[in-house]
Amino acid sequence: MRGKCFCGVVRYALLSVPYDTGWCHCRICQRTSGAPAVVFTTVPEGDLVFEQGRESLRSVATTSFGRRQFCGECGTLLTIQVDFQADEIDIAAATLDAPSGVAPGFHIFFADRISWNEPGDALPRFDGWRPDTRGLPHR
């Protein structure tokens, strides 16, 4: 699978089939994307290869344990990586050339959902992280 940012400066390839695809409704995703929620999909970190535009990537720490990468030219949100899953990286699914190839399987941070955004699906909904989130520190 391949993907890119809006302007096409940053292009990437996924070397394995993505997994753990889901909607995130947290306020950070809302603010960094300008959308009510973002769908992320996951691959092992080494299976995300930037084929073009690596020098245009920018990174911002959005929490004490995570950072997001975006295109420095057009601002497209591309990835998120969290310290407790350092060997994996999440890709904003809508940046894939064929985003229909990855279907969300859950909603997280549903408690932060914007009230007028009521999904019309029957996917599992979690107020925060899923209880089975890999590597999640005990809180």
C-alpha atoms as a PDB file:
ATOM      1  CA  MET A   1       0.000   0.000   0.000  1.00  0.00           C
ATOM      2  CA  ARG A   2       1.101   3.538  -0.696  1.00  0.00           C
ATOM      3  CA  GLY A   3       0.052   6.978   0.431  1.00  0.00           C
ATOM      4  CA  LYS A   4       0.942  10.643   0.404  1.00  0.00           C
ATOM      5  CA  CYS A   5       0.195  14.032   1.851  1.00  0.00           C
ATOM      6  CA  PHE A   6      -2.231  16.457   0.208  1.00  0.00           C
ATOM      7  CA  CYS A   7       0.410  18.270  -1.857  1.00  0.00           C
ATOM      8  CA  GLY A   8       2.266  15.072  -2.818  1.00  0.00           C
ATOM      9  CA  VAL A   9       5.656  16.195  -1.508  1.00  0.00           C
ATOM     10  CA  VAL A  10       5.720  13.376   1.067  1.00  0.00           C
ATOM     11  CA  ARG A  11       5.088   9.877  -0.287  1.00  0.00           C
ATOM     12  CA  TYR A  12       5.310   6.622   1.598  1.00  0.00           C
ATOM     13  CA  ALA A  13       4.886   2.861   1.251  1.00  0.00           C
ATOM     14  CA  LEU A  14       3.700   0.284   3.772  1.00  0.00           C
ATOM     15  CA  LEU A  15       5.664  -2.959   3.521  1.00  0.00           C
ATOM     16  CA  SER A  16       3.138  -5.017   5.491  1.00  0.00           C
ATOM     17  CA  VAL A  17      -0.621  -5.223   5.841  1.00  0.00           C
ATOM     18  CA  PRO A  18      -1.881  -2.608   8.317  1.00  0.00           C
ATOM     19  CA  TYR A  19      -3.724  -3.733  11.439  1.00  0.00           C
ATOM     20  CA  ASP A  20      -5.421  -2.302  14.526  1.00  0.00           C
ATOM     21  CA  THR A  21      -7.377   0.267  12.527  1.00  0.00           C
ATOM     22  CA  GLY A  22      -9.725   2.503  14.461  1.00  0.00           C
ATOM     23  CA  TRP A  23     -11.325   5.880  14.999  1.00  0.00           C
ATOM     24  CA  CYS A  24      -9.791   8.260  17.563  1.00  0.00           C
ATOM     25  CA  HIS A  25     -12.061  10.995  18.928  1.00  0.00           C
ATOM     26  CA  CYS A  26      -9.563  12.600  21.332  1.00  0.00           C
ATOM     27  CA  ARG A  27      -9.246  16.390  21.423  1.00  0.00           C
ATOM     28  CA  ILE A  28      -5.651  16.186  20.187  1.00  0.00           C
ATOM     29  CA  CYS A  29      -6.743  14.364  17.026  1.00  0.00           C
ATOM     30  CA  GLN A  30      -9.569  16.843  16.589  1.00  0.00           C
ATOM     31  CA  ARG A  31      -7.274  19.844  16.886  1.00  0.00           C
ATOM     32  CA  THR A  32      -4.381  18.488  14.804  1.00  0.00           C
ATOM     33  CA  SER A  33      -6.679  17.388  11.981  1.00  0.00           C
ATOM     34  CA  GLY A  34      -9.509  19.914  12.115  1.00  0.00           C
ATOM     35  CA  ALA A  35     -11.905  16.952  11.931  1.00  0.00           C
ATOM     36  CA  PRO A  36     -14.200  15.427  14.557  1.00  0.00           C
ATOM     37  CA  ALA A  37     -12.160  12.184  14.535  1.00  0.00           C
ATOM     38  CA  VAL A  38      -9.238  10.541  12.758  1.00  0.00           C
ATOM     39  CA  VAL A  39      -8.838   6.940  11.603  1.00  0.00           C
ATOM     40  CA  PHE A  40      -5.374   5.503  12.221  1.00  0.00           C
ATOM     41  CA  THR A  41      -3.992   2.165  11.096  1.00  0.00           C
ATOM     42  CA  THR A  42      -0.834   0.496  12.384  1.00  0.00           C
ATOM     43  CA  VAL A  43       2.279  -1.173  10.967  1.00  0.00           C
ATOM     44  CA  PRO A  44       5.614  -2.152  12.509  1.00  0.00           C
ATOM     45  CA  GLU A  45       7.790   0.963  12.516  1.00  0.00           C
ATOM     46  CA  GLY A  46      10.252  -0.489  10.005  1.00  0.00           C
ATOM     47  CA  ASP A  47       7.429  -1.207   7.554  1.00  0.00           C
ATOM     48  CA  LEU A  48       6.691   2.473   6.938  1.00  0.00           C
ATOM     49  CA  VAL A  49       9.114   3.695   4.276  1.00  0.00           C
ATOM     50  CA  PHE A  50       9.154   7.318   3.164  1.00  0.00           C
ATOM     51  CA  GLU A  51       9.883   7.147  -0.558  1.00  0.00           C
ATOM     52  CA  GLN A  52       9.912  10.894  -1.149  1.00  0.00           C
ATOM     53  CA  GLY A  53       9.900  14.093   0.882  1.00  0.00           C
ATOM     54  CA  ARG A  54      11.415  12.858   4.141  1.00  0.00           C
ATOM     55  CA  GLU A  55      13.126  16.242   4.452  1.00  0.00           C
ATOM     56  CA  SER A  56       9.691  17.915   4.451  1.00  0.00           C
ATOM     57  CA  LEU A  57       8.437  15.910   7.445  1.00  0.00           C
ATOM     58  CA  ARG A  58       7.920  17.850  10.649  1.00  0.00           C
ATOM     59  CA  SER A  59       7.319  16.384  14.075  1.00  0.00           C
ATOM     60  CA  VAL A  60       5.519  17.737  17.112  1.00  0.00           C
ATOM     61  CA  ALA A  61       5.244  16.255  20.594  1.00  0.00           C
ATOM     62  CA  THR A  62       1.513  16.362  21.283  1.00  0.00           C
ATOM     63  CA  THR A  63       1.698  14.563  24.645  1.00  0.00           C
ATOM     64  CA  SER A  64       4.393  13.572  27.119  1.00  0.00           C
ATOM     65  CA  PHE A  65       4.426  10.122  25.487  1.00  0.00           C
ATOM     66  CA  GLY A  66       3.681  10.724  21.804  1.00  0.00           C
ATOM     67  CA  ARG A  67       4.479  12.708  18.715  1.00  0.00           C
ATOM     68  CA  ARG A  68       2.910  13.272  15.329  1.00  0.00           C
ATOM     69  CA  GLN A  69       4.490  13.788  11.944  1.00  0.00           C
ATOM     70  CA  PHE A  70       3.026  16.014   9.289  1.00  0.00           C
ATOM     71  CA  CYS A  71       4.027  17.483   5.951  1.00  0.00           C
ATOM     72  CA  GLY A  72       5.832  20.786   6.480  1.00  0.00           C
ATOM     73  CA  GLU A  73       4.577  22.038   3.105  1.00  0.00           C
ATOM     74  CA  CYS A  74       0.819  21.386   3.269  1.00  0.00           C
ATOM     75  CA  GLY A  75       0.271  20.420   6.921  1.00  0.00           C
ATOM     76  CA  THR A  76      -1.229  16.969   6.305  1.00  0.00           C
ATOM     77  CA  LEU A  77      -1.225  14.832   9.449  1.00  0.00           C
ATOM     78  CA  LEU A  78       0.590  11.610   8.511  1.00  0.00           C
ATOM     79  CA  THR A  79       1.612   9.606  11.588  1.00  0.00           C
ATOM     80  CA  ILE A  80       1.446   9.259  15.331  1.00  0.00           C
ATOM     81  CA  GLN A  81       3.842   7.262  17.470  1.00  0.00           C
ATOM     82  CA  VAL A  82       3.604   6.620  21.198  1.00  0.00           C
ATOM     83  CA  ASP A  83       6.434   5.608  23.513  1.00  0.00           C
ATOM     84  CA  PHE A  84       4.602   2.574  24.886  1.00  0.00           C
ATOM     85  CA  GLN A  85       4.392   1.138  21.363  1.00  0.00           C
ATOM     86  CA  ALA A  86       7.806   2.260  20.132  1.00  0.00           C
ATOM     87  CA  ASP A  87       8.113  -0.607  17.649  1.00  0.00           C
ATOM     88  CA  GLU A  88       4.902   0.409  15.834  1.00  0.00           C
ATOM     89  CA  ILE A  89       3.665   3.504  14.044  1.00  0.00           C
ATOM     90  CA  ASP A  90       0.140   4.647  13.265  1.00  0.00           C
ATOM     91  CA  ILE A  91      -0.653   6.135   9.863  1.00  0.00           C
ATOM     92  CA  ALA A  92      -3.576   8.464   9.195  1.00  0.00           C
ATOM     93  CA  ALA A  93      -5.659   6.090   7.062  1.00  0.00           C
ATOM     94  CA  ALA A  94      -7.141   8.804   4.842  1.00  0.00           C
ATOM     95  CA  THR A  95      -3.639   9.550   3.509  1.00  0.00           C
ATOM     96  CA  LEU A  96      -3.472   6.106   1.892  1.00  0.00           C
ATOM     97  CA  ASP A  97      -3.998   6.070  -1.861  1.00  0.00           C
ATOM     98  CA  ALA A  98      -6.700   3.434  -1.279  1.00  0.00           C
ATOM     99  CA  PRO A  99      -8.065   4.124   2.219  1.00  0.00           C
ATOM    100  CA  SER A 100     -11.016   1.782   1.651  1.00  0.00           C
ATOM    101  CA  GLY A 101      -8.519  -1.048   2.054  1.00  0.00           C
ATOM    102  CA  VAL A 102      -8.391  -0.511   5.821  1.00  0.00           C
ATOM    103  CA  ALA A 103     -11.679  -0.571   7.712  1.00  0.00           C
ATOM    104  CA  PRO A 104     -11.953   0.756  11.278  1.00  0.00           C
ATOM    105  CA  GLY A 105     -12.790  -1.799  13.940  1.00  0.00           C
ATOM    106  CA  PHE A 106     -13.375   0.389  17.016  1.00  0.00           C
ATOM    107  CA  HIS A 107     -13.678   3.906  18.447  1.00  0.00           C
ATOM    108  CA  ILE A 108     -11.349   5.221  21.188  1.00  0.00           C
ATOM    109  CA  PHE A 109     -11.675   8.338  23.335  1.00  0.00           C
ATOM    110  CA  PHE A 110     -15.380   8.284  22.544  1.00  0.00           C
ATOM    111  CA  ALA A 111     -15.987  10.348  25.688  1.00  0.00           C
ATOM    112  CA  ASP A 112     -14.250  13.249  23.895  1.00  0.00           C
ATOM    113  CA  ARG A 113     -16.511  12.937  20.858  1.00  0.00           C
ATOM    114  CA  ILE A 114     -18.065  16.177  19.625  1.00  0.00           C
ATOM    115  CA  SER A 115     -21.756  15.919  20.500  1.00  0.00           C
ATOM    116  CA  TRP A 116     -23.008  16.368  16.933  1.00  0.00           C
ATOM    117  CA  ASN A 117     -20.719  13.590  15.671  1.00  0.00           C
ATOM    118  CA  GLU A 118     -22.746  10.425  16.202  1.00  0.00           C
ATOM    119  CA  PRO A 119     -21.246   7.529  14.241  1.00  0.00           C
ATOM    120  CA  GLY A 120     -23.794   5.332  12.542  1.00  0.00           C
ATOM    121  CA  ASP A 121     -21.929   2.081  13.104  1.00  0.00           C
ATOM    122  CA  ALA A 122     -22.019  -0.657  15.708  1.00  0.00           C
ATOM    123  CA  LEU A 123     -18.261  -0.730  16.342  1.00  0.00           C
ATOM    124  CA  PRO A 124     -17.061  -1.081  19.945  1.00  0.00           C
ATOM    125  CA  ARG A 125     -16.713   2.291  21.706  1.00  0.00           C
ATOM    126  CA  PHE A 126     -14.260   3.064  24.484  1.00  0.00           C
ATOM    127  CA  ASP A 127     -14.189   6.252  26.569  1.00  0.00           C
ATOM    128  CA  GLY A 128     -10.373   6.199  26.545  1.00  0.00           C
ATOM    129  CA  TRP A 129      -7.808   3.636  25.469  1.00  0.00           C
ATOM    130  CA  ARG A 130      -9.039   0.120  24.760  1.00  0.00           C
ATOM    131  CA  PRO A 131      -8.379  -2.099  27.784  1.00  0.00           C
ATOM    132  CA  ASP A 132      -6.270  -4.438  25.597  1.00  0.00           C
ATOM    133  CA  THR A 133      -4.099  -1.654  24.116  1.00  0.00           C
ATOM    134  CA  ARG A 134      -0.601  -3.110  23.694  1.00  0.00           C
ATOM    135  CA  GLY A 135       2.055  -1.677  25.999  1.00  0.00           C
ATOM    136  CA  LEU A 136      -0.291   0.721  27.758  1.00  0.00           C
ATOM    137  CA  PRO A 137       1.210   1.783  31.080  1.00  0.00           C
ATOM    138  CA  HIS A 138      -1.029   1.050  34.041  1.00  0.00           C
ATOM    139  CA  ARG A 139      -2.846   4.249  34.982  1.00  0.00           C
END
